[in-house]
Amino acid sequence: MVKDAIKIVKDAEKTASDKVVEAIEKAKKSKEDAEIKAEQNYESLISKAKVEAEEILNQAKVDAEKQTEPINKEAEVLQNSYLQISDNAVKSAVNLVVERIVN
């Protein structure tokens, strides 16, 4: 009877030991799975953030172009006016020189 009790205790210890080892292995696997999942989530978030940042940058460029368009048009008009005035001034100067030479 004592031998039976010792055998039962040893079997119980073996079973308990096996279950502890199994639980440790499951915990390690769960940890590895969680780390992999966290890495995938991190990479996904980074990827989404990059896409969103690109969209924001592109929209900012479009907005900047829209805001500078009137200024660029005005600058072009002023430049054309300057060129016309400059051209007229040169023509007037040439005419004056020719007139003085002739008279």
PDB file of N, CA and C in Angstrom:
ATOM      1  N   MET A   1       0.799  -1.178   0.000  1.00  0.00           N
ATOM      2  CA  MET A   1       0.000   0.000   0.000  1.00  0.00           C
ATOM      3  C   MET A   1       0.855   1.260   0.000  1.00  0.00           C
ATOM      4  N   VAL A   2       1.918   1.273   0.753  1.00  0.00           N
ATOM      5  CA  VAL A   2       2.835   2.403   0.779  1.00  0.00           C
ATOM      6  C   VAL A   2       3.479   2.551  -0.586  1.00  0.00           C
ATOM      7  N   LYS A   3       3.850   1.379  -1.184  1.00  0.00           N
ATOM      8  CA  LYS A   3       4.441   1.419  -2.515  1.00  0.00           C
ATOM      9  C   LYS A   3       3.466   2.024  -3.515  1.00  0.00           C
ATOM     10  N   ASP A   4       2.204   1.666  -3.395  1.00  0.00           N
ATOM     11  CA  ASP A   4       1.184   2.224  -4.286  1.00  0.00           C
ATOM     12  C   ASP A   4       1.062   3.735  -4.084  1.00  0.00           C
ATOM     13  N   ALA A   5       1.107   4.156  -2.842  1.00  0.00           N
ATOM     14  CA  ALA A   5       1.001   5.581  -2.528  1.00  0.00           C
ATOM     15  C   ALA A   5       2.195   6.340  -3.091  1.00  0.00           C
ATOM     16  N   ILE A   6       3.401   5.747  -2.955  1.00  0.00           N
ATOM     17  CA  ILE A   6       4.614   6.380  -3.486  1.00  0.00           C
ATOM     18  C   ILE A   6       4.519   6.484  -5.003  1.00  0.00           C
ATOM     19  N   LYS A   7       4.034   5.416  -5.646  1.00  0.00           N
ATOM     20  CA  LYS A   7       3.882   5.422  -7.099  1.00  0.00           C
ATOM     21  C   LYS A   7       2.884   6.491  -7.528  1.00  0.00           C
ATOM     22  N   ILE A   8       1.796   6.606  -6.810  1.00  0.00           N
ATOM     23  CA  ILE A   8       0.778   7.612  -7.132  1.00  0.00           C
ATOM     24  C   ILE A   8       1.372   9.013  -7.002  1.00  0.00           C
ATOM     25  N   VAL A   9       2.146   9.230  -5.933  1.00  0.00           N
ATOM     26  CA  VAL A   9       2.767  10.543  -5.714  1.00  0.00           C
ATOM     27  C   VAL A   9       3.765  10.839  -6.830  1.00  0.00           C
ATOM     28  N   LYS A  10       4.602   9.839  -7.190  1.00  0.00           N
ATOM     29  CA  LYS A  10       5.589  10.031  -8.261  1.00  0.00           C
ATOM     30  C   LYS A  10       4.895  10.308  -9.593  1.00  0.00           C
ATOM     31  N   ASP A  11       3.816   9.557  -9.867  1.00  0.00           N
ATOM     32  CA  ASP A  11       3.058   9.791 -11.103  1.00  0.00           C
ATOM     33  C   ASP A  11       2.464  11.203 -11.109  1.00  0.00           C
ATOM     34  N   ALA A  12       1.957  11.610  -9.964  1.00  0.00           N
ATOM     35  CA  ALA A  12       1.374  12.949  -9.846  1.00  0.00           C
ATOM     36  C   ALA A  12       2.446  14.020 -10.051  1.00  0.00           C
ATOM     37  N   GLU A  13       3.638  13.786  -9.464  1.00  0.00           N
ATOM     38  CA  GLU A  13       4.738  14.736  -9.641  1.00  0.00           C
ATOM     39  C   GLU A  13       5.140  14.820 -11.112  1.00  0.00           C
ATOM     40  N   LYS A  14       5.205  13.666 -11.778  1.00  0.00           N
ATOM     41  CA  LYS A  14       5.571  13.619 -13.197  1.00  0.00           C
ATOM     42  C   LYS A  14       4.527  14.353 -14.031  1.00  0.00           C
ATOM     43  N   THR A  15       3.267  14.078 -13.746  1.00  0.00           N
ATOM     44  CA  THR A  15       2.182  14.737 -14.470  1.00  0.00           C
ATOM     45  C   THR A  15       2.234  16.244 -14.240  1.00  0.00           C
ATOM     46  N   ALA A  16       2.432  16.642 -12.985  1.00  0.00           N
ATOM     47  CA  ALA A  16       2.512  18.064 -12.660  1.00  0.00           C
ATOM     48  C   ALA A  16       3.708  18.708 -13.356  1.00  0.00           C
ATOM     49  N   SER A  17       4.832  18.028 -13.342  1.00  0.00           N
ATOM     50  CA  SER A  17       6.040  18.532 -13.997  1.00  0.00           C
ATOM     51  C   SER A  17       5.818  18.681 -15.500  1.00  0.00           C
ATOM     52  N   ASP A  18       5.197  17.662 -16.103  1.00  0.00           N
ATOM     53  CA  ASP A  18       4.906  17.721 -17.536  1.00  0.00           C
ATOM     54  C   ASP A  18       3.975  18.893 -17.854  1.00  0.00           C
ATOM     55  N   LYS A  19       2.978  19.103 -17.002  1.00  0.00           N
ATOM     56  CA  LYS A  19       2.024  20.197 -17.221  1.00  0.00           C
ATOM     57  C   LYS A  19       2.701  21.558 -17.056  1.00  0.00           C
ATOM     58  N   VAL A  20       3.630  21.656 -16.100  1.00  0.00           N
ATOM     59  CA  VAL A  20       4.366  22.911 -15.911  1.00  0.00           C
ATOM     60  C   VAL A  20       5.217  23.202 -17.146  1.00  0.00           C
ATOM     61  N   VAL A  21       5.927  22.170 -17.635  1.00  0.00           N
ATOM     62  CA  VAL A  21       6.754  22.335 -18.837  1.00  0.00           C
ATOM     63  C   VAL A  21       5.876  22.734 -20.022  1.00  0.00           C
ATOM     64  N   GLU A  22       4.739  22.058 -20.158  1.00  0.00           N
ATOM     65  CA  GLU A  22       3.807  22.371 -21.243  1.00  0.00           C
ATOM     66  C   GLU A  22       3.295  23.809 -21.129  1.00  0.00           C
ATOM     67  N   ALA A  23       2.967  24.226 -19.916  1.00  0.00           N
ATOM     68  CA  ALA A  23       2.480  25.589 -19.696  1.00  0.00           C
ATOM     69  C   ALA A  23       3.560  26.616 -20.029  1.00  0.00           C
ATOM     70  N   ILE A  24       4.807  26.312 -19.650  1.00  0.00           N
ATOM     71  CA  ILE A  24       5.923  27.213 -19.960  1.00  0.00           C
ATOM     72  C   ILE A  24       6.106  27.323 -21.474  1.00  0.00           C
ATOM     73  N   GLU A  25       6.041  26.185 -22.168  1.00  0.00           N
ATOM     74  CA  GLU A  25       6.187  26.187 -23.625  1.00  0.00           C
ATOM     75  C   GLU A  25       5.060  26.976 -24.290  1.00  0.00           C
ATOM     76  N   LYS A  26       3.834  26.797 -23.784  1.00  0.00           N
ATOM     77  CA  LYS A  26       2.698  27.549 -24.327  1.00  0.00           C
ATOM     78  C   LYS A  26       2.875  29.041 -24.079  1.00  0.00           C
ATOM     79  N   ALA A  27       3.370  29.395 -22.895  1.00  0.00           N
ATOM     80  CA  ALA A  27       3.594  30.804 -22.564  1.00  0.00           C
ATOM     81  C   ALA A  27       4.656  31.416 -23.479  1.00  0.00           C
ATOM     82  N   LYS A  28       5.736  30.653 -23.727  1.00  0.00           N
ATOM     83  CA  LYS A  28       6.785  31.133 -24.633  1.00  0.00           C
ATOM     84  C   LYS A  28       6.226  31.344 -26.035  1.00  0.00           C
ATOM     85  N   LYS A  29       5.436  30.377 -26.492  1.00  0.00           N
ATOM     86  CA  LYS A  29       4.838  30.470 -27.828  1.00  0.00           C
ATOM     87  C   LYS A  29       3.886  31.665 -27.900  1.00  0.00           C
ATOM     88  N   SER A  30       3.091  31.844 -26.848  1.00  0.00           N
ATOM     89  CA  SER A  30       2.170  32.982 -26.808  1.00  0.00           C
ATOM     90  C   SER A  30       2.936  34.301 -26.839  1.00  0.00           C
ATOM     91  N   LYS A  31       4.042  34.343 -26.100  1.00  0.00           N
ATOM     92  CA  LYS A  31       4.871  35.549 -26.075  1.00  0.00           C
ATOM     93  C   LYS A  31       5.435  35.829 -27.464  1.00  0.00           C
ATOM     94  N   GLU A  32       5.962  34.785 -28.120  1.00  0.00           N
ATOM     95  CA  GLU A  32       6.506  34.944 -29.469  1.00  0.00           C
ATOM     96  C   GLU A  32       5.427  35.418 -30.441  1.00  0.00           C
ATOM     97  N   ASP A  33       4.250  34.801 -30.343  1.00  0.00           N
ATOM     98  CA  ASP A  33       3.139  35.197 -31.215  1.00  0.00           C
ATOM     99  C   ASP A  33       2.750  36.654 -30.968  1.00  0.00           C
ATOM    100  N   ALA A  34       2.708  37.042 -29.701  1.00  0.00           N
ATOM    101  CA  ALA A  34       2.357  38.422 -29.354  1.00  0.00           C
ATOM    102  C   ALA A  34       3.402  39.402 -29.876  1.00  0.00           C
ATOM    103  N   GLU A  35       4.680  39.037 -29.776  1.00  0.00           N
ATOM    104  CA  GLU A  35       5.744  39.904 -30.285  1.00  0.00           C
ATOM    105  C   GLU A  35       5.655  40.051 -31.800  1.00  0.00           C
ATOM    106  N   ILE A  36       5.379  38.940 -32.487  1.00  0.00           N
ATOM    107  CA  ILE A  36       5.231  38.987 -33.946  1.00  0.00           C
ATOM    108  C   ILE A  36       4.045  39.866 -34.323  1.00  0.00           C
ATOM    109  N   LYS A  37       2.945  39.676 -33.625  1.00  0.00           N
ATOM    110  CA  LYS A  37       1.737  40.466 -33.900  1.00  0.00           C
ATOM    111  C   LYS A  37       1.995  41.947 -33.626  1.00  0.00           C
ATOM    112  N   ALA A  38       2.688  42.248 -32.540  1.00  0.00           N
ATOM    113  CA  ALA A  38       3.010  43.640 -32.212  1.00  0.00           C
ATOM    114  C   ALA A  38       3.890  44.259 -33.297  1.00  0.00           C
ATOM    115  N   GLU A  39       4.860  43.506 -33.777  1.00  0.00           N
ATOM    116  CA  GLU A  39       5.745  43.993 -34.850  1.00  0.00           C
ATOM    117  C   GLU A  39       4.944  44.255 -36.122  1.00  0.00           C
ATOM    118  N   GLN A  40       4.032  43.338 -36.453  1.00  0.00           N
ATOM    119  CA  GLN A  40       3.199  43.521 -37.641  1.00  0.00           C
ATOM    120  C   GLN A  40       2.306  44.751 -37.491  1.00  0.00           C
ATOM    121  N   ASN A  41       1.722  44.918 -36.304  1.00  0.00           N
ATOM    122  CA  ASN A  41       0.876  46.085 -36.061  1.00  0.00           C
ATOM    123  C   ASN A  41       1.685  47.374 -36.168  1.00  0.00           C
ATOM    124  N   TYR A  42       2.897  47.343 -35.606  1.00  0.00           N
ATOM    125  CA  TYR A  42       3.776  48.511 -35.662  1.00  0.00           C
ATOM    126  C   TYR A  42       4.090  48.866 -37.116  1.00  0.00           C
ATOM    127  N   GLU A  43       4.480  47.859 -37.905  1.00  0.00           N
ATOM    128  CA  GLU A  43       4.804  48.098 -39.310  1.00  0.00           C
ATOM    129  C   GLU A  43       3.589  48.607 -40.077  1.00  0.00           C
ATOM    130  N   SER A  44       2.426  48.069 -39.769  1.00  0.00           N
ATOM    131  CA  SER A  44       1.199  48.519 -40.417  1.00  0.00           C
ATOM    132  C   SER A  44       0.903  49.974 -40.065  1.00  0.00           C
ATOM    133  N   LEU A  45       1.050  50.319 -38.794  1.00  0.00           N
ATOM    134  CA  LEU A  45       0.814  51.702 -38.369  1.00  0.00           C
ATOM    135  C   LEU A  45       1.800  52.662 -39.027  1.00  0.00           C
ATOM    136  N   ILE A  46       3.064  52.266 -39.089  1.00  0.00           N
ATOM    137  CA  ILE A  46       4.079  53.104 -39.729  1.00  0.00           C
ATOM    138  C   ILE A  46       3.742  53.295 -41.206  1.00  0.00           C
ATOM    139  N   SER A  47       3.351  52.223 -41.861  1.00  0.00           N
ATOM    140  CA  SER A  47       2.995  52.297 -43.277  1.00  0.00           C
ATOM    141  C   SER A  47       1.808  53.234 -43.490  1.00  0.00           C
ATOM    142  N   LYS A  48       0.791  53.091 -42.657  1.00  0.00           N
ATOM    143  CA  LYS A  48      -0.389  53.960 -42.766  1.00  0.00           C
ATOM    144  C   LYS A  48      -0.016  55.408 -42.481  1.00  0.00           C
ATOM    145  N   ALA A  49       0.851  55.620 -41.503  1.00  0.00           N
ATOM    146  CA  ALA A  49       1.280  56.980 -41.166  1.00  0.00           C
ATOM    147  C   ALA A  49       2.043  57.611 -42.329  1.00  0.00           C
ATOM    148  N   LYS A  50       2.874  56.816 -43.009  1.00  0.00           N
ATOM    149  CA  LYS A  50       3.614  57.330 -44.165  1.00  0.00           C
ATOM    150  C   LYS A  50       2.657  57.729 -45.283  1.00  0.00           C
ATOM    151  N   VAL A  51       1.666  56.885 -45.538  1.00  0.00           N
ATOM    152  CA  VAL A  51       0.682  57.189 -46.581  1.00  0.00           C
ATOM    153  C   VAL A  51      -0.071  58.467 -46.229  1.00  0.00           C
ATOM    154  N   GLU A  52      -0.491  58.570 -44.979  1.00  0.00           N
ATOM    155  CA  GLU A  52      -1.225  59.758 -44.541  1.00  0.00           C
ATOM    156  C   GLU A  52      -0.345  61.005 -44.630  1.00  0.00           C
ATOM    157  N   ALA A  53       0.914  60.878 -44.262  1.00  0.00           N
ATOM    158  CA  ALA A  53       1.836  62.013 -44.340  1.00  0.00           C
ATOM    159  C   ALA A  53       2.024  62.451 -45.794  1.00  0.00           C
ATOM    160  N   GLU A  54       2.125  61.492 -46.705  1.00  0.00           N
ATOM    161  CA  GLU A  54       2.244  61.810 -48.133  1.00  0.00           C
ATOM    162  C   GLU A  54       1.002  62.555 -48.621  1.00  0.00           C
ATOM    163  N   GLU A  55      -0.174  62.086 -48.200  1.00  0.00           N
ATOM    164  CA  GLU A  55      -1.420  62.741 -48.601  1.00  0.00           C
ATOM    165  C   GLU A  55      -1.466  64.172 -48.078  1.00  0.00           C
ATOM    166  N   ILE A  56      -1.060  64.367 -46.827  1.00  0.00           N
ATOM    167  CA  ILE A  56      -1.048  65.708 -46.237  1.00  0.00           C
ATOM    168  C   ILE A  56      -0.061  66.600 -46.980  1.00  0.00           C
ATOM    169  N   LEU A  57       1.118  66.067 -47.279  1.00  0.00           N
ATOM    170  CA  LEU A  57       2.129  66.836 -48.006  1.00  0.00           C
ATOM    171  C   LEU A  57       1.619  67.225 -49.387  1.00  0.00           C
ATOM    172  N   ASN A  58       1.019  66.275 -50.095  1.00  0.00           N
ATOM    173  CA  ASN A  58       0.495  66.572 -51.430  1.00  0.00           C
ATOM    174  C   ASN A  58      -0.605  67.624 -51.370  1.00  0.00           C
ATOM    175  N   GLN A  59      -1.478  67.524 -50.379  1.00  0.00           N
ATOM    176  CA  GLN A  59      -2.545  68.512 -50.237  1.00  0.00           C
ATOM    177  C   GLN A  59      -1.964  69.881 -49.898  1.00  0.00           C
ATOM    178  N   ALA A  60      -0.931  69.900 -49.068  1.00  0.00           N
ATOM    179  CA  ALA A  60      -0.277  71.164 -48.720  1.00  0.00           C
ATOM    180  C   ALA A  60       0.342  71.808 -49.961  1.00  0.00           C
ATOM    181  N   LYS A  61       0.929  70.989 -50.834  1.00  0.00           N
ATOM    182  CA  LYS A  61       1.502  71.518 -52.075  1.00  0.00           C
ATOM    183  C   LYS A  61       0.412  72.116 -52.958  1.00  0.00           C
ATOM    184  N   VAL A  62      -0.708  71.404 -53.076  1.00  0.00           N
ATOM    185  CA  VAL A  62      -1.826  71.903 -53.880  1.00  0.00           C
ATOM    186  C   VAL A  62      -2.342  73.213 -53.298  1.00  0.00           C
ATOM    187  N   ASP A  63      -2.518  73.257 -51.983  1.00  0.00           N
ATOM    188  CA  ASP A  63      -2.997  74.476 -51.327  1.00  0.00           C
ATOM    189  C   ASP A  63      -2.022  75.631 -51.530  1.00  0.00           C
ATOM    190  N   ALA A  64      -0.732  75.349 -51.423  1.00  0.00           N
ATOM    191  CA  ALA A  64       0.284  76.392 -51.605  1.00  0.00           C
ATOM    192  C   ALA A  64       0.251  76.925 -53.036  1.00  0.00           C
ATOM    193  N   GLU A  65       0.100  76.024 -53.997  1.00  0.00           N
ATOM    194  CA  GLU A  65       0.021  76.457 -55.393  1.00  0.00           C
ATOM    195  C   GLU A  65      -1.205  77.334 -55.622  1.00  0.00           C
ATOM    196  N   LYS A  66      -2.330  76.959 -55.032  1.00  0.00           N
ATOM    197  CA  LYS A  66      -3.551  77.756 -55.171  1.00  0.00           C
ATOM    198  C   LYS A  66      -3.368  79.140 -54.563  1.00  0.00           C
ATOM    199  N   GLN A  67      -2.691  79.201 -53.416  1.00  0.00           N
ATOM    200  CA  GLN A  67      -2.503  80.481 -52.736  1.00  0.00           C
ATOM    201  C   GLN A  67      -1.508  81.375 -53.474  1.00  0.00           C
ATOM    202  N   THR A  68      -0.519  80.793 -54.117  1.00  0.00           N
ATOM    203  CA  THR A  68       0.491  81.603 -54.807  1.00  0.00           C
ATOM    204  C   THR A  68       0.101  81.919 -56.245  1.00  0.00           C
ATOM    205  N   GLU A  69      -0.916  81.277 -56.767  1.00  0.00           N
ATOM    206  CA  GLU A  69      -1.325  81.505 -58.151  1.00  0.00           C
ATOM    207  C   GLU A  69      -1.656  82.973 -58.426  1.00  0.00           C
ATOM    208  N   PRO A  70      -2.482  83.636 -57.595  1.00  0.00           N
ATOM    209  CA  PRO A  70      -2.765  85.055 -57.857  1.00  0.00           C
ATOM    210  C   PRO A  70      -1.500  85.919 -57.785  1.00  0.00           C
ATOM    211  N   ILE A  71      -0.618  85.595 -56.864  1.00  0.00           N
ATOM    212  CA  ILE A  71       0.622  86.360 -56.724  1.00  0.00           C
ATOM    213  C   ILE A  71       1.486  86.173 -57.968  1.00  0.00           C
ATOM    214  N   ASN A  72       1.561  84.948 -58.449  1.00  0.00           N
ATOM    215  CA  ASN A  72       2.349  84.676 -59.656  1.00  0.00           C
ATOM    216  C   ASN A  72       1.766  85.391 -60.873  1.00  0.00           C
ATOM    217  N   LYS A  73       0.438  85.419 -60.976  1.00  0.00           N
ATOM    218  CA  LYS A  73      -0.203  86.128 -62.088  1.00  0.00           C
ATOM    219  C   LYS A  73       0.092  87.620 -62.010  1.00  0.00           C
ATOM    220  N   GLU A  74      -0.009  88.175 -60.804  1.00  0.00           N
ATOM    221  CA  GLU A  74       0.276  89.602 -60.626  1.00  0.00           C
ATOM    222  C   GLU A  74       1.736  89.901 -60.955  1.00  0.00           C
ATOM    223  N   ALA A  75       2.627  89.024 -60.542  1.00  0.00           N
ATOM    224  CA  ALA A  75       4.049  89.200 -60.843  1.00  0.00           C
ATOM    225  C   ALA A  75       4.281  89.163 -62.351  1.00  0.00           C
ATOM    226  N   GLU A  76       3.583  88.287 -63.045  1.00  0.00           N
ATOM    227  CA  GLU A  76       3.722  88.202 -64.498  1.00  0.00           C
ATOM    228  C   GLU A  76       3.219  89.480 -65.166  1.00  0.00           C
ATOM    229  N   VAL A  77       2.082  89.995 -64.686  1.00  0.00           N
ATOM    230  CA  VAL A  77       1.539  91.244 -65.228  1.00  0.00           C
ATOM    231  C   VAL A  77       2.522  92.386 -64.989  1.00  0.00           C
ATOM    232  N   LEU A  78       3.064  92.459 -63.766  1.00  0.00           N
ATOM    233  CA  LEU A  78       4.026  93.516 -63.452  1.00  0.00           C
ATOM    234  C   LEU A  78       5.288  93.393 -64.302  1.00  0.00           C
ATOM    235  N   GLN A  79       5.743  92.175 -64.502  1.00  0.00           N
ATOM    236  CA  GLN A  79       6.936  91.970 -65.319  1.00  0.00           C
ATOM    237  C   GLN A  79       6.672  92.401 -66.764  1.00  0.00           C
ATOM    238  N   ASN A  80       5.499  92.041 -67.288  1.00  0.00           N
ATOM    239  CA  ASN A  80       5.148  92.452 -68.647  1.00  0.00           C
ATOM    240  C   ASN A  80       5.041  93.968 -68.745  1.00  0.00           C
ATOM    241  N   SER A  81       4.459  94.592 -67.719  1.00  0.00           N
ATOM    242  CA  SER A  81       4.361  96.057 -67.694  1.00  0.00           C
ATOM    243  C   SER A  81       5.748  96.677 -67.668  1.00  0.00           C
ATOM    244  N   TYR A  82       6.616  96.133 -66.845  1.00  0.00           N
ATOM    245  CA  TYR A  82       7.988  96.635 -66.756  1.00  0.00           C
ATOM    246  C   TYR A  82       8.685  96.516 -68.108  1.00  0.00           C
ATOM    247  N   LEU A  83       8.526  95.371 -68.760  1.00  0.00           N
ATOM    248  CA  LEU A  83       9.152  95.174 -70.067  1.00  0.00           C
ATOM    249  C   LEU A  83       8.602  96.158 -71.093  1.00  0.00           C
ATOM    250  N   GLN A  84       7.307  96.410 -71.043  1.00  0.00           N
ATOM    251  CA  GLN A  84       6.683  97.358 -71.972  1.00  0.00           C
ATOM    252  C   GLN A  84       7.197  98.769 -71.705  1.00  0.00           C
ATOM    253  N   ILE A  85       7.259  99.149 -70.426  1.00  0.00           N
ATOM    254  CA  ILE A  85       7.761 100.480 -70.060  1.00  0.00           C
ATOM    255  C   ILE A  85       9.225 100.618 -70.477  1.00  0.00           C
ATOM    256  N   SER A  86       9.995  99.587 -70.221  1.00  0.00           N
ATOM    257  CA  SER A  86      11.410  99.595 -70.583  1.00  0.00           C
ATOM    258  C   SER A  86      11.573  99.707 -72.091  1.00  0.00           C
ATOM    259  N   ASP A  87      10.787  98.967 -72.831  1.00  0.00           N
ATOM    260  CA  ASP A  87      10.835  99.012 -74.292  1.00  0.00           C
ATOM    261  C   ASP A  87      10.458 100.405 -74.791  1.00  0.00           C
ATOM    262  N   ASN A  88       9.412 100.982 -74.213  1.00  0.00           N
ATOM    263  CA  ASN A  88       8.982 102.332 -74.593  1.00  0.00           C
ATOM    264  C   ASN A  88      10.062 103.358 -74.268  1.00  0.00           C
ATOM    265  N   ALA A  89      10.714 103.196 -73.112  1.00  0.00           N
ATOM    266  CA  ALA A  89      11.770 104.130 -72.720  1.00  0.00           C
ATOM    267  C   ALA A  89      12.937 104.060 -73.700  1.00  0.00           C
ATOM    268  N   VAL A  90      13.304 102.867 -74.105  1.00  0.00           N
ATOM    269  CA  VAL A  90      14.397 102.704 -75.073  1.00  0.00           C
ATOM    270  C   VAL A  90      14.011 103.344 -76.404  1.00  0.00           C
ATOM    271  N   LYS A  91      12.787 103.099 -76.842  1.00  0.00           N
ATOM    272  CA  LYS A  91      12.328 103.696 -78.109  1.00  0.00           C
ATOM    273  C   LYS A  91      12.338 105.216 -78.027  1.00  0.00           C
ATOM    274  N   SER A  92      11.873 105.759 -76.905  1.00  0.00           N
ATOM    275  CA  SER A  92      11.865 107.213 -76.724  1.00  0.00           C
ATOM    276  C   SER A  92      13.280 107.758 -76.731  1.00  0.00           C
ATOM    277  N   ALA A  93      14.175 107.078 -76.059  1.00  0.00           N
ATOM    278  CA  ALA A  93      15.569 107.529 -76.013  1.00  0.00           C
ATOM    279  C   ALA A  93      16.184 107.502 -77.404  1.00  0.00           C
ATOM    280  N   VAL A  94      15.930 106.461 -78.157  1.00  0.00           N
ATOM    281  CA  VAL A  94      16.452 106.363 -79.522  1.00  0.00           C
ATOM    282  C   VAL A  94      15.877 107.485 -80.376  1.00  0.00           C
ATOM    283  N   ASN A  95      14.582 107.724 -80.251  1.00  0.00           N
ATOM    284  CA  ASN A  95      13.941 108.801 -81.015  1.00  0.00           C
ATOM    285  C   ASN A  95      14.549 110.154 -80.673  1.00  0.00           C
ATOM    286  N   LEU A  96      14.806 110.404 -79.374  1.00  0.00           N
ATOM    287  CA  LEU A  96      15.420 111.671 -78.963  1.00  0.00           C
ATOM    288  C   LEU A  96      16.813 111.818 -79.556  1.00  0.00           C
ATOM    289  N   VAL A  97      17.589 110.757 -79.510  1.00  0.00           N
ATOM    290  CA  VAL A  97      18.948 110.804 -80.067  1.00  0.00           C
ATOM    291  C   VAL A  97      18.887 111.067 -81.563  1.00  0.00           C
ATOM    292  N   VAL A  98      18.005 110.370 -82.258  1.00  0.00           N
ATOM    293  CA  VAL A  98      17.860 110.561 -83.705  1.00  0.00           C
ATOM    294  C   VAL A  98      17.414 111.986 -83.996  1.00  0.00           C
ATOM    295  N   GLU A  99      16.465 112.493 -83.228  1.00  0.00           N
ATOM    296  CA  GLU A  99      15.947 113.851 -83.422  1.00  0.00           C
ATOM    297  C   GLU A  99      17.049 114.881 -83.213  1.00  0.00           C
ATOM    298  N   ARG A 100      17.889 114.698 -82.208  1.00  0.00           N
ATOM    299  CA  ARG A 100      18.980 115.642 -81.932  1.00  0.00           C
ATOM    300  C   ARG A 100      20.035 115.581 -83.037  1.00  0.00           C
ATOM    301  N   ILE A 101      20.259 114.363 -83.523  1.00  0.00           N
ATOM    302  CA  ILE A 101      21.248 114.224 -84.599  1.00  0.00           C
ATOM    303  C   ILE A 101      20.735 114.911 -85.868  1.00  0.00           C
ATOM    304  N   VAL A 102      19.475 114.752 -86.147  1.00  0.00           N
ATOM    305  CA  VAL A 102      18.871 115.309 -87.351  1.00  0.00           C
ATOM    306  C   VAL A 102      18.801 116.833 -87.257  1.00  0.00           C
ATOM    307  N   ASN A 103      18.506 117.356 -86.107  1.00  0.00           N
ATOM    308  CA  ASN A 103      18.353 118.810 -85.948  1.00  0.00           C
ATOM    309  C   ASN A 103      19.682 119.381 -85.624  1.00  0.00           C
TER     310      ASN A 103
END
